[in-house]
N, C-alpha and C. Protein backbone atom coordinates (compact mmCIF):
# COMPACT_ATOMS: atom_id res chain seq x y z
N MET A 1 6.40 35.69 15.83
CA MET A 1 5.61 34.81 14.51
C MET A 1 6.60 34.42 14.80
N VAL A 2 6.44 32.60 13.69
CA VAL A 2 7.50 32.06 12.69
C VAL A 2 6.55 32.43 11.00
N GLU A 3 7.90 32.37 9.96
CA GLU A 3 7.28 32.41 9.05
C GLU A 3 7.26 30.86 8.55
N ARG A 4 6.25 30.68 7.84
CA ARG A 4 6.02 29.08 7.55
C ARG A 4 5.94 29.21 6.60
N ARG A 5 6.99 28.58 5.52
CA ARG A 5 7.39 28.75 4.18
C ARG A 5 6.76 26.89 3.35
N SER A 6 6.58 26.81 2.24
CA SER A 6 5.96 26.06 1.69
C SER A 6 7.07 24.42 1.69
N PRO A 7 7.50 23.19 1.89
CA PRO A 7 8.58 22.44 1.23
C PRO A 7 8.87 22.63 0.09
N LYS A 8 7.95 22.84 -0.71
CA LYS A 8 8.33 22.90 -2.49
C LYS A 8 8.01 24.45 -2.83
N PRO A 9 8.92 25.14 -2.51
CA PRO A 9 8.92 26.38 -2.64
C PRO A 9 8.23 26.85 -3.89
N ASN A 10 8.91 26.60 -5.04
CA ASN A 10 8.60 26.66 -6.46
C ASN A 10 7.02 26.12 -6.88
N VAL A 11 6.60 26.06 -5.74
CA VAL A 11 4.94 24.89 -5.89
C VAL A 11 4.19 25.67 -6.15
N ALA A 12 3.25 26.40 -6.47
CA ALA A 12 2.50 26.76 -6.08
C ALA A 12 1.11 26.16 -5.45
N GLY A 13 0.07 26.42 -5.03
CA GLY A 13 -1.12 25.95 -4.47
C GLY A 13 -1.05 24.55 -3.43
N SER A 14 -1.86 23.83 -3.25
CA SER A 14 -1.70 22.47 -2.34
C SER A 14 -2.86 21.74 -3.43
N SER A 15 -1.87 20.25 -2.82
CA SER A 15 -1.97 19.15 -3.80
C SER A 15 -3.19 18.88 -3.81
N PRO A 16 -3.93 18.95 -3.12
CA PRO A 16 -5.74 18.69 -3.39
C PRO A 16 -6.26 19.75 -4.53
N ALA A 17 -4.98 20.59 -4.70
CA ALA A 17 -6.11 21.71 -6.05
C ALA A 17 -5.65 20.84 -7.48
N TRP A 18 -4.66 19.48 -7.47
CA TRP A 18 -4.39 18.88 -8.69
C TRP A 18 -5.43 18.17 -9.55
N PRO A 19 -7.02 17.84 -8.91
CA PRO A 19 -7.71 17.65 -10.11
C PRO A 19 -8.43 18.23 -10.38
N ALA A 20 -8.42 20.12 -9.90
CA ALA A 20 -9.35 20.62 -10.92
C ALA A 20 -8.44 20.82 -11.83
N ILE A 21 -7.47 21.05 -11.65
CA ILE A 21 -6.53 21.43 -12.99
C ILE A 21 -6.74 20.21 -14.55
N PHE A 22 -6.85 19.01 -14.06
CA PHE A 22 -7.37 18.21 -15.26
C PHE A 22 -8.79 17.86 -15.51
N ILE A 23 -9.80 18.22 -15.12
CA ILE A 23 -11.00 18.70 -15.38
C ILE A 23 -11.24 19.79 -15.59
N ILE A 24 -10.60 20.64 -15.73
CA ILE A 24 -10.78 22.52 -16.94
C ILE A 24 -9.69 21.42 -18.12
N MET A 25 -8.71 21.39 -17.89
CA MET A 25 -8.10 20.64 -19.31
C MET A 25 -8.94 19.73 -20.16
N GLU A 26 -9.70 18.46 -19.10
CA GLU A 26 -10.28 17.88 -20.06
C GLU A 26 -11.30 18.56 -20.51
N LYS A 27 -12.30 19.49 -20.04
CA LYS A 27 -12.83 20.20 -20.95
C LYS A 27 -12.30 21.08 -21.96
N LYS A 28 -11.79 21.52 -21.67
CA LYS A 28 -11.29 22.23 -22.93
C LYS A 28 -10.40 20.98 -24.14
N MET A 29 -10.21 20.05 -24.21
CA MET A 29 -9.40 19.15 -24.69
C MET A 29 -10.39 18.95 -25.94
N LYS A 30 -10.43 18.45 -27.05
CA LYS A 30 -10.96 18.46 -28.23
C LYS A 30 -11.29 16.81 -28.17
N ASP A 31 -12.20 16.18 -29.18
CA ASP A 31 -12.51 14.84 -29.38
C ASP A 31 -11.23 14.14 -29.55
N LYS A 32 -10.68 14.79 -30.39
CA LYS A 32 -9.61 14.48 -31.63
C LYS A 32 -7.99 13.94 -30.35
N GLU A 33 -8.56 15.34 -29.50
CA GLU A 33 -7.16 15.07 -28.24
C GLU A 33 -7.43 13.65 -27.24
N LYS A 34 -9.14 13.85 -26.97
CA LYS A 34 -9.04 12.49 -26.40
C LYS A 34 -8.68 11.50 -25.88
N LYS A 35 -9.58 11.13 -28.12
CA LYS A 35 -8.96 9.97 -28.35
C LYS A 35 -7.72 9.95 -28.53
N SER A 36 -7.15 10.68 -29.19
CA SER A 36 -5.22 10.35 -29.42
C SER A 36 -4.98 10.22 -27.54
N LEU A 37 -5.33 10.68 -27.01
CA LEU A 37 -4.80 10.52 -25.52
C LEU A 37 -4.91 9.17 -25.07
N LEU A 38 -6.35 8.43 -25.03
CA LEU A 38 -6.73 7.21 -25.18
C LEU A 38 -5.82 5.98 -25.75
N THR A 39 -5.82 6.70 -26.97
CA THR A 39 -4.70 5.37 -27.98
C THR A 39 -3.05 5.30 -27.59
N ASN A 40 -3.09 6.68 -27.23
CA ASN A 40 -1.43 6.73 -26.23
C ASN A 40 -1.39 5.42 -25.14
N ILE A 41 -2.49 5.69 -24.02
CA ILE A 41 -2.70 4.46 -22.84
C ILE A 41 -2.91 3.56 -23.63
N ILE A 42 -3.52 3.33 -24.24
CA ILE A 42 -3.96 1.70 -24.56
C ILE A 42 -2.26 1.38 -25.32
N ASN A 43 -1.57 2.27 -25.36
CA ASN A 43 -0.57 1.58 -26.45
C ASN A 43 0.49 1.04 -25.69
N GLU A 44 0.81 2.10 -24.58
CA GLU A 44 1.86 2.30 -23.30
C GLU A 44 1.45 0.93 -22.75
N TYR A 45 0.17 0.21 -22.58
CA TYR A 45 -0.37 -0.93 -22.08
C TYR A 45 0.30 -2.07 -22.86
N LYS A 46 0.18 -1.93 -23.86
CA LYS A 46 0.49 -3.00 -24.88
C LYS A 46 2.02 -3.30 -24.71
N LYS A 47 2.82 -2.18 -24.16
CA LYS A 47 5.06 -2.64 -24.08
C LYS A 47 5.11 -2.60 -22.65
N VAL A 48 4.10 -2.72 -21.93
CA VAL A 48 4.33 -3.78 -20.54
C VAL A 48 4.45 -5.21 -20.46
N THR A 49 5.29 -5.49 -20.01
CA THR A 49 5.24 -6.87 -19.83
C THR A 49 4.57 -7.54 -18.38
N TRP A 50 3.59 -8.11 -18.94
CA TRP A 50 3.52 -8.53 -18.11
C TRP A 50 3.24 -10.25 -17.47
N ALA A 51 3.76 -10.30 -15.79
CA ALA A 51 3.90 -11.60 -15.05
C ALA A 51 2.39 -12.96 -15.62
N SER A 52 2.65 -13.88 -16.11
CA SER A 52 2.52 -14.70 -16.46
C SER A 52 1.29 -15.32 -15.46
N LYS A 53 0.46 -16.44 -16.08
CA LYS A 53 -1.01 -16.91 -14.70
C LYS A 53 0.22 -17.81 -14.00
N SER A 54 1.13 -18.21 -14.44
CA SER A 54 1.62 -19.29 -13.30
C SER A 54 2.51 -18.66 -12.60
N THR A 55 3.48 -17.49 -12.88
CA THR A 55 4.40 -16.56 -11.80
C THR A 55 3.52 -16.17 -10.99
N VAL A 56 1.86 -15.79 -11.55
CA VAL A 56 1.35 -14.53 -10.42
C VAL A 56 1.18 -16.07 -9.58
N PHE A 57 0.54 -17.06 -10.03
CA PHE A 57 0.22 -18.30 -8.94
C PHE A 57 1.06 -18.81 -8.31
N GLN A 58 2.27 -18.80 -8.30
CA GLN A 58 3.30 -19.20 -7.71
C GLN A 58 3.42 -17.93 -6.47
N VAL A 59 3.66 -16.65 -6.92
CA VAL A 59 4.12 -15.98 -5.79
C VAL A 59 2.91 -15.36 -4.84
N THR A 60 1.38 -15.97 -5.52
CA THR A 60 0.55 -15.51 -4.72
C THR A 60 0.73 -16.89 -3.29
N VAL A 61 0.81 -17.95 -3.86
CA VAL A 61 1.25 -19.29 -2.99
C VAL A 61 1.84 -18.79 -2.13
N ILE A 62 3.81 -18.29 -2.17
CA ILE A 62 4.76 -18.33 -1.34
C ILE A 62 3.92 -16.87 -0.88
N VAL A 63 3.28 -16.39 -0.86
CA VAL A 63 2.93 -15.07 0.15
C VAL A 63 1.79 -15.66 1.38
N LEU A 64 1.19 -15.91 0.98
CA LEU A 64 0.33 -16.73 1.64
C LEU A 64 0.66 -17.55 2.67
N LEU A 65 1.27 -19.08 2.18
CA LEU A 65 2.54 -19.13 3.01
C LEU A 65 3.25 -19.03 4.16
N ILE A 66 4.38 -17.90 3.75
CA ILE A 66 5.27 -17.19 4.06
C ILE A 66 3.92 -16.80 5.28
N THR A 67 2.65 -15.72 5.18
CA THR A 67 1.62 -15.21 5.92
C THR A 67 1.20 -16.40 6.94
N LEU A 68 0.99 -17.29 6.52
CA LEU A 68 0.62 -18.47 7.76
C LEU A 68 1.45 -18.95 8.34
N PHE A 69 2.55 -18.92 8.32
CA PHE A 69 4.25 -19.58 8.65
C PHE A 69 4.09 -18.16 10.06
N ILE A 70 4.21 -17.05 9.71
CA ILE A 70 3.97 -15.94 10.32
C ILE A 70 2.92 -15.72 11.86
N ALA A 71 1.65 -15.94 11.00
CA ALA A 71 0.55 -16.28 11.81
C ALA A 71 0.58 -17.35 13.08
N VAL A 72 1.07 -18.43 12.68
CA VAL A 72 1.54 -19.80 13.40
C VAL A 72 2.34 -19.21 14.32
N MET A 73 3.63 -18.85 14.54
CA MET A 73 4.43 -18.43 15.37
C MET A 73 4.16 -17.20 15.65
N VAL A 74 3.24 -16.53 15.15
CA VAL A 74 2.87 -15.29 16.31
C VAL A 74 2.03 -16.10 17.64
N THR A 75 1.43 -16.68 16.82
CA THR A 75 -0.02 -17.40 17.70
C THR A 75 0.69 -18.11 18.96
N ALA A 76 1.92 -18.84 18.89
CA ALA A 76 2.99 -19.60 19.64
C ALA A 76 3.36 -19.17 20.32
N PHE A 77 4.16 -17.69 20.02
CA PHE A 77 4.77 -17.19 21.31
C PHE A 77 3.79 -16.32 22.59
N ASP A 78 2.81 -15.65 21.60
CA ASP A 78 1.51 -15.68 22.44
C ASP A 78 0.89 -16.43 23.29
N PHE A 79 0.84 -18.03 23.28
CA PHE A 79 0.34 -18.53 24.26
C PHE A 79 1.53 -18.93 24.75
N SER A 80 2.56 -18.94 24.35
CA SER A 80 3.86 -19.51 25.51
C SER A 80 4.07 -18.39 26.55
N PHE A 81 3.92 -17.24 26.16
CA PHE A 81 3.98 -16.15 26.88
C PHE A 81 3.06 -16.39 27.83
N ASN A 82 1.83 -16.38 27.14
CA ASN A 82 0.30 -16.49 28.59
C ASN A 82 0.66 -17.50 29.34
N TYR A 83 0.91 -18.45 28.42
CA TYR A 83 1.71 -19.60 29.82
C TYR A 83 2.31 -19.61 31.26
N LEU A 84 3.32 -19.06 30.50
CA LEU A 84 4.78 -18.66 30.74
C LEU A 84 3.94 -16.82 32.49
N LEU A 85 3.51 -16.26 31.77
CA LEU A 85 3.19 -15.45 32.87
C LEU A 85 2.26 -15.83 34.01
N SER A 86 1.61 -16.66 33.34
CA SER A 86 0.16 -17.49 34.17
C SER A 86 1.37 -18.15 35.29
N ARG A 87 1.34 -18.61 34.88
CA ARG A 87 2.61 -19.71 35.62
C ARG A 87 3.32 -19.01 37.18
N ILE A 88 4.16 -18.33 36.34
CA ILE A 88 4.95 -16.52 37.52
C ILE A 88 3.96 -16.41 38.12
N SER A 89 2.82 -15.89 37.83
CA SER A 89 1.57 -15.49 38.70
C SER A 89 0.95 -16.32 39.53
N GLU A 90 1.18 -17.28 39.66
CA GLU A 90 0.32 -18.51 40.17
C GLU A 90 2.08 -18.71 41.39
N ILE A 91 3.13 -18.85 40.61
CA ILE A 91 3.95 -18.76 41.65
C ILE A 91 3.92 -17.72 43.15
N LEU A 92 3.62 -16.06 42.13
CA LEU A 92 4.28 -15.18 43.22
C LEU A 92 2.88 -15.15 44.27
N ARG A 93 1.49 -15.29 43.50
CA ARG A 93 0.60 -15.67 44.61
C ARG A 93 0.74 -16.31 46.01
N ARG A 94 1.30 -17.56 45.70
CA ARG A 94 1.38 -19.04 46.64
C ARG A 94 2.63 -18.44 47.48
N VAL A 95 3.85 -17.54 46.76
CA VAL A 95 4.75 -17.22 47.85
C VAL A 95 4.17 -15.99 48.47
N ILE A 96 3.52 -14.68 48.56
CA ILE A 96 2.40 -13.89 49.08
C ILE A 96 2.14 -14.43 49.58
């Protein structure tokens, strides 16, 4: 038989078990600790440099244009290959 080992030998348990740890910790935390944790999270979000609305709009437009271009190209290739294969099929039917 083959011995099976965890890819992370220093880690015990499986990854689906990790949320249970947070539930247990949350039950043991006092209200003051919960408030402190929430305050720390809010402070970290304030430190994040968020993109401006105009930047988000510009990047969204670029992504949509690239997506549209790729969709048009795929459609053109699809129709071209379909037409080409149908013409080849017609020629082969006439020959055979």
